[in-house]
């Protein structure tokens, strides 16, 4: 993220944080599948950025 312009880094961090909160709320409500269309892209991005293996 250090290579990003500061406003872009802030937007990216906000997107990932909001998505994580949405996923937490979906888990509380028991609707993980309903949140998947919004959560999956952020999860794939984070895994790719961190070069983490997909699970």
N, C-alpha and C. Protein backbone atom coordinates (compact mmCIF):
# COMPACT_ATOMS: atom_id res chain seq x y z
N UNK A 1 0.81 -1.18 0.00
CA UNK A 1 0.00 0.00 0.00
C UNK A 1 0.85 1.25 0.00
N UNK A 2 2.08 1.13 0.43
CA UNK A 2 2.95 2.30 0.48
C UNK A 2 3.17 2.91 -0.89
N UNK A 3 3.05 2.12 -1.93
CA UNK A 3 3.26 2.62 -3.29
C UNK A 3 2.04 3.36 -3.82
N UNK A 4 0.93 3.27 -3.14
CA UNK A 4 -0.30 3.93 -3.59
C UNK A 4 -0.32 5.39 -3.15
N UNK A 5 -1.03 6.20 -3.91
CA UNK A 5 -1.26 7.57 -3.47
C UNK A 5 -2.07 7.50 -2.18
N UNK A 6 -1.85 8.40 -1.24
CA UNK A 6 -2.56 8.34 0.03
C UNK A 6 -4.09 8.28 -0.09
N UNK A 7 -4.72 9.08 -0.96
CA UNK A 7 -6.18 8.98 -1.05
C UNK A 7 -6.65 7.60 -1.54
N UNK A 8 -5.88 6.99 -2.43
CA UNK A 8 -6.23 5.66 -2.93
C UNK A 8 -6.05 4.62 -1.83
N UNK A 9 -4.99 4.73 -1.07
CA UNK A 9 -4.76 3.80 0.04
C UNK A 9 -5.87 3.89 1.07
N UNK A 10 -6.35 5.10 1.35
CA UNK A 10 -7.44 5.29 2.30
C UNK A 10 -8.71 4.63 1.78
N UNK A 11 -9.01 4.82 0.51
CA UNK A 11 -10.20 4.20 -0.08
C UNK A 11 -10.11 2.68 -0.06
N UNK A 12 -8.95 2.15 -0.38
CA UNK A 12 -8.75 0.70 -0.37
C UNK A 12 -8.92 0.16 1.04
N UNK A 13 -8.33 0.81 2.02
CA UNK A 13 -8.46 0.36 3.40
C UNK A 13 -9.92 0.44 3.87
N UNK A 14 -10.62 1.49 3.49
CA UNK A 14 -12.03 1.62 3.86
C UNK A 14 -12.87 0.51 3.24
N UNK A 15 -12.59 0.18 1.98
CA UNK A 15 -13.33 -0.90 1.31
C UNK A 15 -13.11 -2.23 2.03
N UNK A 16 -11.86 -2.53 2.34
CA UNK A 16 -11.56 -3.79 3.01
C UNK A 16 -12.16 -3.84 4.42
N UNK A 17 -12.09 -2.74 5.14
CA UNK A 17 -12.66 -2.70 6.49
C UNK A 17 -14.18 -2.83 6.46
N UNK A 18 -14.82 -2.14 5.54
CA UNK A 18 -16.27 -2.22 5.41
C UNK A 18 -16.71 -3.63 5.03
N UNK A 19 -15.97 -4.24 4.13
CA UNK A 19 -16.29 -5.60 3.71
C UNK A 19 -16.13 -6.57 4.87
N UNK A 20 -15.09 -6.41 5.67
CA UNK A 20 -14.90 -7.27 6.83
C UNK A 20 -16.05 -7.11 7.82
N UNK A 21 -16.49 -5.89 8.03
CA UNK A 21 -17.62 -5.65 8.93
C UNK A 21 -18.89 -6.28 8.38
N UNK A 22 -19.08 -6.19 7.07
CA UNK A 22 -20.24 -6.81 6.44
C UNK A 22 -20.20 -8.33 6.62
N UNK A 23 -19.03 -8.91 6.45
CA UNK A 23 -18.90 -10.35 6.62
C UNK A 23 -19.20 -10.75 8.07
N UNK A 24 -18.70 -9.98 9.02
CA UNK A 24 -18.99 -10.26 10.43
C UNK A 24 -20.49 -10.20 10.70
N UNK A 25 -21.13 -9.20 10.17
CA UNK A 25 -22.59 -9.05 10.37
C UNK A 25 -23.34 -10.18 9.70
N UNK A 26 -22.92 -10.59 8.51
CA UNK A 26 -23.57 -11.70 7.82
C UNK A 26 -23.44 -12.98 8.62
N UNK A 27 -22.28 -13.18 9.24
CA UNK A 27 -22.09 -14.36 10.10
C UNK A 27 -23.05 -14.32 11.28
N UNK A 28 -23.21 -13.15 11.88
CA UNK A 28 -24.13 -12.99 13.01
C UNK A 28 -25.56 -13.32 12.60
N UNK A 29 -25.93 -12.94 11.39
CA UNK A 29 -27.29 -13.17 10.90
C UNK A 29 -27.46 -14.54 10.26
N UNK A 30 -26.36 -15.26 10.09
CA UNK A 30 -26.42 -16.59 9.49
C UNK A 30 -26.63 -16.57 7.99
N UNK A 31 -26.15 -15.52 7.31
CA UNK A 31 -26.35 -15.41 5.86
C UNK A 31 -25.04 -15.12 5.15
N UNK A 32 -24.08 -16.01 5.32
CA UNK A 32 -22.77 -15.84 4.67
C UNK A 32 -22.93 -15.86 3.16
N UNK A 33 -23.76 -16.75 2.64
CA UNK A 33 -23.93 -16.85 1.19
C UNK A 33 -24.52 -15.57 0.61
N UNK A 34 -25.38 -14.91 1.36
CA UNK A 34 -25.97 -13.66 0.88
C UNK A 34 -24.95 -12.54 0.76
N UNK A 35 -23.94 -12.58 1.61
CA UNK A 35 -22.90 -11.54 1.59
C UNK A 35 -21.78 -11.86 0.61
N UNK A 36 -21.73 -13.09 0.13
CA UNK A 36 -20.61 -13.54 -0.71
C UNK A 36 -20.33 -12.65 -1.92
N UNK A 37 -21.35 -12.17 -2.65
CA UNK A 37 -21.04 -11.33 -3.81
C UNK A 37 -20.25 -10.06 -3.48
N UNK A 38 -20.41 -9.58 -2.26
CA UNK A 38 -19.66 -8.39 -1.84
C UNK A 38 -18.36 -8.74 -1.14
N UNK A 39 -18.35 -9.85 -0.43
CA UNK A 39 -17.18 -10.24 0.37
C UNK A 39 -16.11 -10.91 -0.48
N UNK A 40 -16.50 -11.77 -1.39
CA UNK A 40 -15.53 -12.54 -2.17
C UNK A 40 -14.51 -11.70 -2.94
N UNK A 41 -14.91 -10.63 -3.61
CA UNK A 41 -13.89 -9.83 -4.32
C UNK A 41 -12.85 -9.23 -3.38
N UNK A 42 -13.27 -8.77 -2.22
CA UNK A 42 -12.32 -8.21 -1.26
C UNK A 42 -11.40 -9.28 -0.70
N UNK A 43 -11.96 -10.46 -0.46
CA UNK A 43 -11.16 -11.57 0.05
C UNK A 43 -10.12 -11.98 -0.98
N UNK A 44 -10.53 -12.09 -2.23
CA UNK A 44 -9.57 -12.46 -3.30
C UNK A 44 -8.49 -11.39 -3.45
N UNK A 45 -8.88 -10.13 -3.37
CA UNK A 45 -7.89 -9.06 -3.47
C UNK A 45 -6.88 -9.15 -2.33
N UNK A 46 -7.38 -9.29 -1.11
CA UNK A 46 -6.50 -9.34 0.05
C UNK A 46 -5.55 -10.54 -0.03
N UNK A 47 -6.06 -11.70 -0.44
CA UNK A 47 -5.21 -12.88 -0.57
C UNK A 47 -4.14 -12.66 -1.64
N UNK A 48 -4.53 -12.05 -2.74
CA UNK A 48 -3.58 -11.79 -3.81
C UNK A 48 -2.53 -10.78 -3.36
N UNK A 49 -2.97 -9.73 -2.69
CA UNK A 49 -2.05 -8.69 -2.23
C UNK A 49 -1.05 -9.25 -1.23
N UNK A 50 -1.53 -10.13 -0.36
CA UNK A 50 -0.67 -10.72 0.66
C UNK A 50 0.06 -11.97 0.15
N UNK A 51 -0.24 -12.33 -1.08
CA UNK A 51 0.30 -13.53 -1.70
C UNK A 51 0.04 -14.77 -0.84
N UNK A 52 -1.17 -14.79 -0.28
CA UNK A 52 -1.60 -15.91 0.56
C UNK A 52 -2.25 -16.98 -0.32
N UNK A 53 -2.07 -18.23 0.02
CA UNK A 53 -2.74 -19.28 -0.74
C UNK A 53 -4.25 -19.20 -0.54
N UNK A 54 -4.99 -19.48 -1.60
CA UNK A 54 -6.44 -19.49 -1.50
C UNK A 54 -6.88 -20.71 -0.72
N UNK A 55 -7.95 -20.51 0.05
CA UNK A 55 -8.48 -21.62 0.83
C UNK A 55 -9.81 -22.07 0.29
